[in-house]
Protein backbone atom coordinates (compact mmCIF):
# COMPACT_ATOMS: atom_id res chain seq x y z
CA MET A 1 88.72 -46.37 -93.67
CA THR A 2 90.55 -49.69 -93.71
CA ASP A 3 89.92 -53.12 -92.25
CA ASP A 4 93.65 -53.77 -92.05
CA PRO A 5 94.42 -54.05 -88.31
CA LEU A 6 98.12 -53.33 -88.80
CA ALA A 7 97.96 -50.46 -91.27
CA TRP A 8 98.49 -47.86 -88.57
CA LEU A 9 101.72 -49.51 -87.43
CA VAL A 10 103.29 -49.23 -90.84
CA SER A 11 102.41 -45.52 -90.87
CA LEU A 12 104.47 -44.85 -87.73
CA GLU A 13 107.50 -42.69 -88.42
CA GLY A 14 110.40 -44.66 -89.85
CA VAL A 15 108.77 -48.08 -89.65
CA ALA A 16 107.99 -48.67 -93.33
CA SER A 17 111.42 -47.51 -94.51
CA ALA A 18 113.28 -49.47 -91.81
CA PHE A 19 111.54 -52.73 -92.62
CA ALA A 20 111.81 -52.18 -96.37
CA ALA A 21 115.57 -51.72 -96.06
CA THR A 22 115.90 -54.80 -93.89
CA ARG A 23 113.80 -56.93 -96.24
CA ASP A 24 115.86 -55.75 -99.20
CA GLY A 25 119.04 -56.78 -97.42
CA ILE A 26 117.63 -60.21 -96.57
CA ASP A 27 116.41 -60.73 -100.13
CA VAL A 28 119.80 -59.80 -101.58
CA MET A 29 121.62 -62.17 -99.25
CA LEU A 30 119.28 -65.07 -99.95
CA ARG A 31 119.35 -64.46 -103.69
CA ASP A 32 123.07 -63.87 -104.12
CA ARG A 33 124.42 -66.37 -101.60
CA GLY A 34 121.62 -68.83 -101.06
CA LEU A 35 120.45 -70.05 -104.42
CA ARG A 36 123.61 -71.92 -105.31
CA ARG A 37 124.66 -73.01 -101.83
CA THR A 38 121.51 -73.81 -99.92
CA SER A 39 121.25 -77.32 -98.51
CA PRO A 40 119.40 -79.04 -95.68
CA GLU A 41 122.66 -78.85 -93.74
CA THR A 42 122.70 -75.06 -94.07
CA THR A 43 119.17 -74.84 -92.72
CA ALA A 44 120.10 -77.18 -89.87
CA GLU A 45 123.08 -74.99 -89.02
CA SER A 46 120.90 -71.89 -88.99
CA LEU A 47 118.42 -73.60 -86.67
CA LEU A 48 121.23 -74.76 -84.37
CA ARG A 49 122.71 -71.27 -84.16
CA GLY A 50 119.26 -69.91 -83.45
CA ALA A 51 118.60 -72.47 -80.74
CA HIS A 52 121.86 -71.61 -79.02
CA ALA A 53 121.23 -67.86 -79.15
CA SER A 54 117.67 -68.27 -77.90
CA ALA A 55 118.85 -70.48 -75.05
CA VAL A 56 121.44 -67.90 -73.97
CA LEU A 57 118.75 -65.22 -73.97
CA GLU A 58 116.71 -67.57 -71.77
CA GLY A 59 119.55 -67.94 -69.28
CA SER A 60 121.68 -70.78 -70.64
CA ALA A 61 125.43 -70.68 -70.05
CA ALA A 62 126.17 -73.12 -72.88
CA THR A 63 128.49 -72.15 -75.70
CA LEU A 64 127.74 -72.99 -79.31
CA ASP A 65 130.48 -75.63 -79.17
CA ASP A 66 128.82 -77.12 -76.08
CA VAL A 67 125.57 -77.38 -77.97
CA ARG A 68 127.25 -79.01 -80.96
CA GLU A 69 129.18 -81.53 -78.88
CA SER A 70 126.85 -82.51 -76.05
CA GLY A 71 123.64 -80.52 -76.35
CA GLY A 72 124.66 -78.09 -73.63
CA ASP A 73 122.70 -77.48 -70.45
CA ALA A 74 119.01 -78.13 -69.91
CA ILE A 75 117.83 -74.85 -71.42
CA ALA A 76 119.97 -75.38 -74.50
CA ARG A 77 118.64 -78.90 -74.94
CA ASP A 78 115.09 -77.57 -74.70
CA ALA A 79 115.87 -74.98 -77.37
CA VAL A 80 117.46 -77.55 -79.68
CA ARG A 81 114.51 -79.92 -79.28
CA LEU A 82 112.19 -77.08 -80.24
CA SER A 83 114.27 -76.07 -83.24
CA THR A 84 114.46 -79.64 -84.52
CA GLU A 85 110.68 -79.81 -84.93
CA LEU A 86 110.09 -76.15 -85.79
CA LEU A 87 109.75 -76.24 -89.55
CA SER A 88 107.21 -79.06 -89.42
CA LEU A 89 104.86 -76.54 -87.79
CA VAL A 90 104.74 -74.15 -90.76
CA PRO A 91 101.47 -75.61 -92.12
CA VAL A 92 100.03 -75.72 -88.60
CA LEU A 93 100.75 -72.01 -88.09
CA LYS A 94 99.00 -71.21 -91.36
CA GLN A 95 95.90 -73.22 -90.49
CA SER A 96 95.67 -72.97 -86.70
CA PRO A 97 98.02 -70.52 -84.96
CA LEU A 98 96.70 -71.48 -81.53
CA GLN A 99 97.61 -75.09 -82.14
CA ALA A 100 101.06 -74.03 -83.34
CA PHE A 101 101.68 -71.95 -80.21
CA ALA A 102 100.58 -74.84 -78.02
CA ARG A 103 102.85 -77.26 -79.84
CA LEU A 104 105.81 -74.89 -79.52
CA HIS A 105 105.38 -74.81 -75.77
CA ALA A 106 104.86 -78.56 -75.53
CA LEU A 107 108.15 -79.11 -77.35
CA ALA A 108 110.10 -76.55 -75.36
CA ALA A 109 108.77 -77.50 -71.93
CA LYS A 110 108.69 -81.28 -72.27
CA ASP A 111 109.94 -82.82 -69.01
CA SER A 112 109.99 -79.36 -67.36
CA VAL A 113 106.35 -78.86 -66.38
CA GLU A 114 103.42 -81.13 -65.63
CA ASP A 115 101.81 -82.70 -68.67
CA GLU A 116 98.55 -80.85 -68.10
CA GLU A 117 100.40 -77.52 -68.38
CA LEU A 118 102.02 -78.29 -71.73
CA GLY A 119 100.62 -75.98 -74.39
CA ARG A 120 97.96 -74.59 -72.07
CA PRO A 121 97.70 -70.88 -71.21
CA ARG A 122 98.16 -69.96 -67.56
CA GLY A 123 94.76 -68.31 -67.22
CA GLY A 124 91.83 -66.64 -68.91
CA GLU A 125 93.62 -63.39 -69.65
CA GLN A 126 96.52 -65.19 -71.29
CA ALA A 127 94.14 -67.39 -73.28
CA ALA A 128 92.33 -64.31 -74.56
CA ARG A 129 95.59 -62.69 -75.61
CA LEU A 130 96.59 -65.84 -77.49
CA ARG A 131 93.25 -65.88 -79.29
CA GLY A 132 93.72 -62.25 -80.24
CA LEU A 133 97.17 -62.98 -81.62
CA ALA A 134 95.81 -65.94 -83.59
CA GLU A 135 93.08 -63.72 -85.04
CA LEU A 136 95.69 -61.18 -86.04
CA LEU A 137 97.64 -63.85 -87.90
CA GLY A 138 94.46 -64.88 -89.68
CA SER A 139 93.50 -61.33 -90.67
CA ARG A 140 94.02 -59.68 -94.01
CA THR A 141 96.90 -57.26 -93.74
CA THR A 142 99.30 -55.62 -96.13
CA ALA A 143 101.81 -55.06 -93.32
CA PRO A 144 105.25 -56.51 -94.05
CA ALA A 145 105.75 -60.05 -92.82
CA LEU A 146 108.69 -58.81 -90.77
CA VAL A 147 106.33 -56.50 -88.85
CA VAL A 148 103.96 -59.41 -88.19
CA ALA A 149 106.84 -61.56 -86.94
CA ALA A 150 108.02 -58.80 -84.62
CA LEU A 151 104.55 -58.40 -83.13
CA VAL A 152 104.12 -62.14 -82.60
CA HIS A 153 107.47 -62.31 -80.85
CA ALA A 154 106.87 -59.34 -78.56
CA ASP A 155 103.34 -60.37 -77.66
CA LEU A 156 104.30 -63.91 -76.71
CA ALA A 157 107.38 -62.77 -74.81
CA THR A 158 105.61 -60.09 -72.78
CA VAL A 159 102.25 -61.77 -72.18
CA ALA A 160 104.11 -64.94 -71.15
CA PRO A 161 101.03 -67.08 -71.71
CA PHE A 162 102.54 -70.40 -70.69
CA ALA A 163 103.87 -71.77 -67.42
CA SER A 164 107.49 -71.68 -68.62
CA HIS A 165 109.80 -71.25 -71.63
CA ASN A 166 107.91 -68.23 -73.00
CA GLY A 167 111.04 -66.62 -74.41
CA LEU A 168 111.97 -69.76 -76.33
CA VAL A 169 108.41 -70.01 -77.65
CA ALA A 170 108.32 -66.34 -78.68
CA ARG A 171 111.55 -66.51 -80.63
CA ALA A 172 110.62 -69.81 -82.26
CA ALA A 173 107.25 -68.38 -83.30
CA GLU A 174 108.99 -65.37 -84.80
CA ARG A 175 111.19 -67.59 -86.98
CA LEU A 176 108.15 -69.65 -87.90
CA VAL A 177 106.31 -66.55 -89.14
CA LEU A 178 109.30 -65.56 -91.27
CA VAL A 179 109.22 -68.97 -92.94
CA ALA A 180 105.44 -69.25 -93.26
CA ARG A 181 105.07 -65.76 -94.76
CA GLY A 182 107.76 -66.25 -97.36
CA VAL A 183 110.50 -63.99 -96.04
CA ASP A 184 112.91 -66.86 -95.48
CA GLU A 185 111.36 -70.10 -96.67
CA LYS A 186 114.47 -72.20 -95.97
CA SER A 187 115.04 -70.57 -92.56
CA LEU A 188 118.56 -69.32 -93.23
CA VAL A 189 118.36 -66.03 -91.33
CA VAL A 190 119.12 -66.34 -87.60
CA PRO A 191 116.87 -63.76 -85.90
CA GLU A 192 117.67 -65.17 -82.45
CA ALA A 193 121.35 -64.34 -82.98
CA GLY A 194 120.37 -60.84 -84.02
CA HIS A 195 118.58 -60.38 -80.71
CA LEU A 196 121.53 -61.81 -78.79
CA ALA A 197 123.96 -59.46 -80.55
CA LEU A 198 121.74 -56.56 -79.44
CA ARG A 199 120.81 -58.02 -76.07
CA PRO A 200 120.60 -54.79 -74.02
CA GLU A 201 118.40 -53.17 -76.66
CA TYR A 202 116.38 -56.36 -77.05
CA GLU A 203 115.56 -56.58 -73.37
CA SER A 204 114.86 -52.87 -72.92
CA ASN A 205 112.61 -52.71 -75.97
CA LEU A 206 110.62 -55.73 -74.82
CA ARG A 207 110.03 -53.93 -71.54
CA GLY A 208 109.01 -50.87 -73.52
CA TYR A 209 106.59 -52.94 -75.59
CA ARG A 210 105.03 -54.28 -72.40
CA ASP A 211 104.85 -51.04 -70.44
CA GLY A 212 105.36 -48.14 -72.84
CA GLY A 213 102.12 -47.95 -74.81
CA ARG A 214 102.26 -46.63 -78.36
CA ALA A 215 105.79 -45.24 -77.93
CA GLY A 216 107.04 -48.58 -76.66
CA LEU A 217 105.48 -50.41 -79.60
CA HIS A 218 107.01 -47.93 -82.02
CA SER A 219 110.46 -48.36 -80.50
CA TRP A 220 110.15 -52.15 -80.55
CA LEU A 221 109.37 -52.14 -84.26
CA LEU A 222 112.33 -49.92 -85.10
CA TYR A 223 114.54 -52.14 -82.96
CA ALA A 224 113.20 -55.31 -84.62
CA ALA A 225 114.14 -54.09 -88.09
CA GLU A 226 117.71 -53.63 -86.85
CA ALA A 227 117.70 -57.04 -85.16
CA TYR A 228 116.54 -58.81 -88.32
CA ALA A 229 119.37 -57.19 -90.25
CA ALA A 230 121.77 -58.51 -87.61
CA GLY A 231 120.12 -61.92 -87.92
CA ALA A 232 120.82 -61.91 -91.64
CA GLU A 233 124.47 -61.17 -90.92
CA ALA A 234 124.53 -64.21 -88.59
CA SER A 235 123.29 -66.57 -91.31
CA PRO A 236 125.55 -69.51 -92.13
CA LEU A 237 125.36 -68.29 -95.72
CA ARG A 238 127.65 -65.45 -94.69
CA SER A 239 130.39 -67.87 -93.79
CA SER A 240 129.85 -70.38 -96.58
């Protein structure tokens, strides 16, 4: 018997090997390319690319050049505002995940919803799901951090606990977990761009996670390992 709530996920066929391969690839990239060339500007570029990709997935029509030059459309500006404050929430996520989730929504939805809706779950069911996710983050698990990030993302995206901007919040929380759990402490991988590059698979696997039971969860995890590898390829380190 084990008290690890995620142990069974890692035992699903192909999951452990897929995430191990992806983590190895990320580690190699960060070690070989990052140590000598990492700067705050590189992190800022990664966050900007991620904000743009996340905004497009949320419905923005802005290009990356639009975002660089003028901030883009409203969704893109929301995503950029969220990304600008994201890394300051690493200690908050470690100490109080619920507070971190609330702050993510407050940043993303500022000026879009009523003040009393900022950071507040839509109802009792959504509040309970958020508490469960926070408990999961606080639990002792030997599951790879990439698996934890994938679960946080899918849960927030499919439960849609807030009045708006749930996709932006889910993808920001995913990146936050990767930083907080030591996968990518300087936030140089661009997971949002990985999801955008695989958009049809991303959207279908989120639906599967929501509606497909154990099989849908399994498929989402295998997809997420592929998406994180694509996110590593989208890192500004690759073009530096």
